[in-house]
């Protein structure tokens, strides 16, 4: 079933959170590793990704991208809301 455009922003956030979770596992990292890199405690980092939310500042996102070693293509997809985990 196609996604309803009414909820598109929620889908983009959920997809981004799932994508970051997948890349974290792929790189054999833990949430606490990424959290430390962006200057947060593990629980605070987890809350910002909880329930499909993706609530990070630009600087935090840049640090996260570096830690996860995302490719240019992955970064563009993430920013355009085109990632599907």
N, C-alpha and C. Protein backbone atom coordinates (compact mmCIF):
# COMPACT_ATOMS: atom_id res chain seq x y z
N UNK A 1 0.84 -1.17 0.00
CA UNK A 1 0.00 0.00 0.00
C UNK A 1 0.89 1.24 0.00
N UNK A 2 0.61 2.22 -0.84
CA UNK A 2 1.44 3.43 -0.90
C UNK A 2 1.30 4.27 0.37
N UNK A 3 2.33 5.01 0.64
CA UNK A 3 2.30 5.89 1.81
C UNK A 3 1.46 7.12 1.52
N UNK A 4 0.68 7.51 2.50
CA UNK A 4 -0.17 8.68 2.36
C UNK A 4 0.69 9.93 2.54
N UNK A 5 0.59 10.87 1.61
CA UNK A 5 1.43 12.06 1.66
C UNK A 5 1.15 12.93 2.88
N UNK A 6 -0.01 12.75 3.50
CA UNK A 6 -0.35 13.49 4.71
C UNK A 6 0.67 13.23 5.82
N UNK A 7 1.24 12.03 5.85
CA UNK A 7 2.19 11.64 6.89
C UNK A 7 3.63 11.57 6.38
N UNK A 8 3.90 12.20 5.27
CA UNK A 8 5.21 12.10 4.64
C UNK A 8 6.36 12.50 5.57
N UNK A 9 6.21 13.57 6.33
CA UNK A 9 7.28 14.01 7.23
C UNK A 9 7.58 12.96 8.30
N UNK A 10 6.54 12.32 8.81
CA UNK A 10 6.74 11.27 9.81
C UNK A 10 7.47 10.09 9.18
N UNK A 11 7.14 9.75 7.95
CA UNK A 11 7.81 8.65 7.27
C UNK A 11 9.29 8.98 7.04
N UNK A 12 9.58 10.21 6.67
CA UNK A 12 10.96 10.62 6.43
C UNK A 12 11.78 10.49 7.71
N UNK A 13 11.22 10.95 8.84
CA UNK A 13 11.92 10.83 10.12
C UNK A 13 12.14 9.38 10.51
N UNK A 14 11.11 8.57 10.35
CA UNK A 14 11.21 7.15 10.71
C UNK A 14 12.23 6.45 9.82
N UNK A 15 12.21 6.75 8.52
CA UNK A 15 13.17 6.15 7.59
C UNK A 15 14.60 6.56 7.94
N UNK A 16 14.80 7.83 8.30
CA UNK A 16 16.14 8.31 8.67
C UNK A 16 16.63 7.60 9.92
N UNK A 17 15.77 7.48 10.92
CA UNK A 17 16.14 6.79 12.17
C UNK A 17 16.50 5.33 11.88
N UNK A 18 15.69 4.66 11.07
CA UNK A 18 15.96 3.27 10.72
C UNK A 18 17.25 3.13 9.92
N UNK A 19 17.49 4.07 9.03
CA UNK A 19 18.71 4.07 8.22
C UNK A 19 19.94 4.21 9.11
N UNK A 20 19.90 5.17 10.04
CA UNK A 20 21.03 5.37 10.96
C UNK A 20 21.22 4.15 11.85
N UNK A 21 20.13 3.56 12.32
CA UNK A 21 20.25 2.33 13.12
C UNK A 21 20.92 1.22 12.32
N UNK A 22 20.52 1.07 11.06
CA UNK A 22 21.11 0.05 10.20
C UNK A 22 22.59 0.28 9.96
N UNK A 23 22.96 1.52 9.70
CA UNK A 23 24.37 1.85 9.47
C UNK A 23 25.20 1.66 10.74
N UNK A 24 24.60 1.95 11.89
CA UNK A 24 25.29 1.74 13.16
C UNK A 24 25.61 0.25 13.33
N UNK A 25 24.63 -0.60 13.08
CA UNK A 25 24.85 -2.05 13.18
C UNK A 25 25.84 -2.53 12.12
N UNK A 26 25.71 -2.00 10.90
CA UNK A 26 26.59 -2.40 9.80
C UNK A 26 28.06 -2.10 10.13
N UNK A 27 28.29 -0.99 10.81
CA UNK A 27 29.65 -0.59 11.19
C UNK A 27 30.09 -1.23 12.51
N UNK A 28 29.23 -2.10 13.04
CA UNK A 28 29.49 -2.80 14.30
C UNK A 28 29.75 -1.82 15.45
N UNK A 29 28.92 -0.80 15.49
CA UNK A 29 28.97 0.19 16.56
C UNK A 29 27.74 0.05 17.44
N UNK A 30 27.80 0.66 18.59
CA UNK A 30 26.65 0.72 19.49
C UNK A 30 26.14 2.15 19.52
N UNK A 31 24.89 2.31 19.96
CA UNK A 31 24.33 3.64 20.10
C UNK A 31 25.21 4.52 20.98
N UNK A 32 25.77 3.93 22.03
CA UNK A 32 26.61 4.72 22.94
C UNK A 32 27.84 5.27 22.24
N UNK A 33 28.36 4.56 21.22
CA UNK A 33 29.52 5.04 20.47
C UNK A 33 29.16 6.29 19.65
N UNK A 34 28.01 6.22 18.99
CA UNK A 34 27.56 7.36 18.19
C UNK A 34 27.18 8.52 19.11
N UNK A 35 26.51 8.20 20.21
CA UNK A 35 26.11 9.24 21.17
C UNK A 35 27.31 9.99 21.70
N UNK A 36 28.35 9.26 22.06
CA UNK A 36 29.57 9.91 22.58
C UNK A 36 30.18 10.83 21.53
N UNK A 37 30.16 10.39 20.28
CA UNK A 37 30.74 11.19 19.19
C UNK A 37 30.02 12.53 19.02
N UNK A 38 28.70 12.53 19.22
CA UNK A 38 27.95 13.77 19.01
C UNK A 38 27.72 14.53 20.32
N UNK A 39 28.28 14.02 21.43
CA UNK A 39 28.23 14.75 22.68
C UNK A 39 26.99 14.52 23.51
N UNK A 40 26.39 13.35 23.37
CA UNK A 40 25.20 13.02 24.15
C UNK A 40 25.46 11.76 24.97
N UNK A 41 24.65 11.56 25.99
CA UNK A 41 24.65 10.31 26.74
C UNK A 41 23.80 9.32 25.95
N UNK A 42 24.04 8.05 26.16
CA UNK A 42 23.31 7.01 25.45
C UNK A 42 21.80 7.13 25.51
N UNK A 43 21.21 7.32 26.72
CA UNK A 43 19.76 7.42 26.81
C UNK A 43 19.18 8.64 26.06
N UNK A 44 19.89 9.76 26.10
CA UNK A 44 19.42 10.96 25.39
C UNK A 44 19.43 10.72 23.88
N UNK A 45 20.47 10.06 23.40
CA UNK A 45 20.57 9.72 21.97
C UNK A 45 19.43 8.80 21.57
N UNK A 46 19.17 7.79 22.37
CA UNK A 46 18.10 6.84 22.07
C UNK A 46 16.74 7.52 22.05
N UNK A 47 16.50 8.44 22.97
CA UNK A 47 15.22 9.15 23.00
C UNK A 47 14.99 9.98 21.75
N UNK A 48 16.06 10.54 21.21
CA UNK A 48 15.93 11.36 20.00
C UNK A 48 15.61 10.53 18.77
N UNK A 49 15.83 9.22 18.85
CA UNK A 49 15.50 8.32 17.73
C UNK A 49 14.26 7.48 18.01
N UNK A 50 13.74 7.59 19.22
CA UNK A 50 12.64 6.72 19.64
C UNK A 50 11.35 7.01 18.87
N UNK A 51 10.59 5.96 18.64
CA UNK A 51 9.27 6.06 18.01
C UNK A 51 9.31 6.76 16.66
N UNK A 52 10.36 6.50 15.89
CA UNK A 52 10.44 7.06 14.55
C UNK A 52 10.80 8.53 14.49
N UNK A 53 11.22 9.09 15.60
CA UNK A 53 11.64 10.50 15.59
C UNK A 53 13.11 10.57 15.20
N UNK A 54 13.50 11.69 14.70
CA UNK A 54 14.89 11.90 14.32
C UNK A 54 15.20 13.36 14.58
N UNK A 55 15.47 13.67 15.85
CA UNK A 55 15.56 15.05 16.32
C UNK A 55 17.00 15.42 16.67
N UNK A 56 17.79 15.79 15.65
CA UNK A 56 19.19 16.12 15.84
C UNK A 56 19.50 17.46 15.19
N UNK A 57 20.42 18.20 15.79
CA UNK A 57 20.85 19.47 15.20
C UNK A 57 21.74 19.19 13.99
N UNK A 58 22.01 20.22 13.23
CA UNK A 58 22.86 20.08 12.06
C UNK A 58 24.24 19.58 12.45
N UNK A 59 24.84 20.18 13.48
CA UNK A 59 26.18 19.79 13.90
C UNK A 59 26.21 18.34 14.40
N UNK A 60 25.18 17.95 15.14
CA UNK A 60 25.11 16.55 15.59
C UNK A 60 25.01 15.60 14.41
N UNK A 61 24.23 15.98 13.42
CA UNK A 61 24.09 15.16 12.23
C UNK A 61 25.40 15.04 11.46
N UNK A 62 26.14 16.13 11.35
CA UNK A 62 27.44 16.10 10.68
C UNK A 62 28.39 15.14 11.41
N UNK A 63 28.43 15.23 12.73
CA UNK A 63 29.30 14.34 13.51
C UNK A 63 28.87 12.88 13.36
N UNK A 64 27.56 12.65 13.32
CA UNK A 64 27.03 11.31 13.15
C UNK A 64 27.42 10.74 11.78
N UNK A 65 27.32 11.56 10.76
CA UNK A 65 27.69 11.14 9.40
C UNK A 65 29.16 10.76 9.34
N UNK A 66 30.00 11.55 10.00
CA UNK A 66 31.44 11.23 10.02
C UNK A 66 31.71 9.93 10.76
N UNK A 67 31.07 9.76 11.90
CA UNK A 67 31.29 8.55 12.71
C UNK A 67 30.85 7.30 11.95
N UNK A 68 29.74 7.40 11.23
CA UNK A 68 29.21 6.25 10.50
C UNK A 68 29.85 6.08 9.12
N UNK A 69 30.72 7.03 8.75
CA UNK A 69 31.44 6.97 7.47
C UNK A 69 30.49 6.77 6.29
N UNK A 70 29.44 7.61 6.25
CA UNK A 70 28.48 7.52 5.16
C UNK A 70 29.10 8.00 3.86
N UNK A 71 28.70 7.38 2.77
CA UNK A 71 29.18 7.80 1.45
C UNK A 71 28.43 9.07 1.04
N UNK A 72 28.94 9.74 0.03
CA UNK A 72 28.27 10.94 -0.47
C UNK A 72 26.86 10.61 -0.94
N UNK A 73 26.71 9.47 -1.59
CA UNK A 73 25.40 9.05 -2.08
C UNK A 73 24.42 8.83 -0.92
N UNK A 74 24.88 8.20 0.15
CA UNK A 74 24.04 7.96 1.32
C UNK A 74 23.65 9.27 2.00
N UNK A 75 24.58 10.21 2.05
CA UNK A 75 24.29 11.52 2.66
C UNK A 75 23.22 12.25 1.87
N UNK A 76 23.34 12.24 0.56
CA UNK A 76 22.35 12.92 -0.29
C UNK A 76 20.98 12.27 -0.11
N UNK A 77 20.93 10.96 -0.12
CA UNK A 77 19.65 10.26 0.08
C UNK A 77 19.04 10.59 1.44
N UNK A 78 19.88 10.63 2.46
CA UNK A 78 19.40 10.95 3.80
C UNK A 78 18.82 12.36 3.84
N UNK A 79 19.52 13.32 3.26
CA UNK A 79 19.08 14.71 3.27
C UNK A 79 17.84 14.95 2.41
N UNK A 80 17.70 14.17 1.36
CA UNK A 80 16.53 14.33 0.49
C UNK A 80 15.34 13.53 0.98
N UNK A 81 15.54 12.76 2.04
CA UNK A 81 14.44 11.95 2.58
C UNK A 81 14.13 10.75 1.73
N UNK A 82 15.15 10.22 1.05
CA UNK A 82 14.95 9.11 0.11
C UNK A 82 15.50 7.80 0.61
N UNK A 83 15.85 7.70 1.89
CA UNK A 83 16.37 6.43 2.42
C UNK A 83 15.22 5.58 2.90
N UNK A 84 15.31 4.32 2.61
CA UNK A 84 14.33 3.34 3.12
C UNK A 84 15.14 2.19 3.68
N UNK A 85 15.05 1.98 4.96
CA UNK A 85 15.82 0.89 5.60
C UNK A 85 15.10 -0.42 5.49
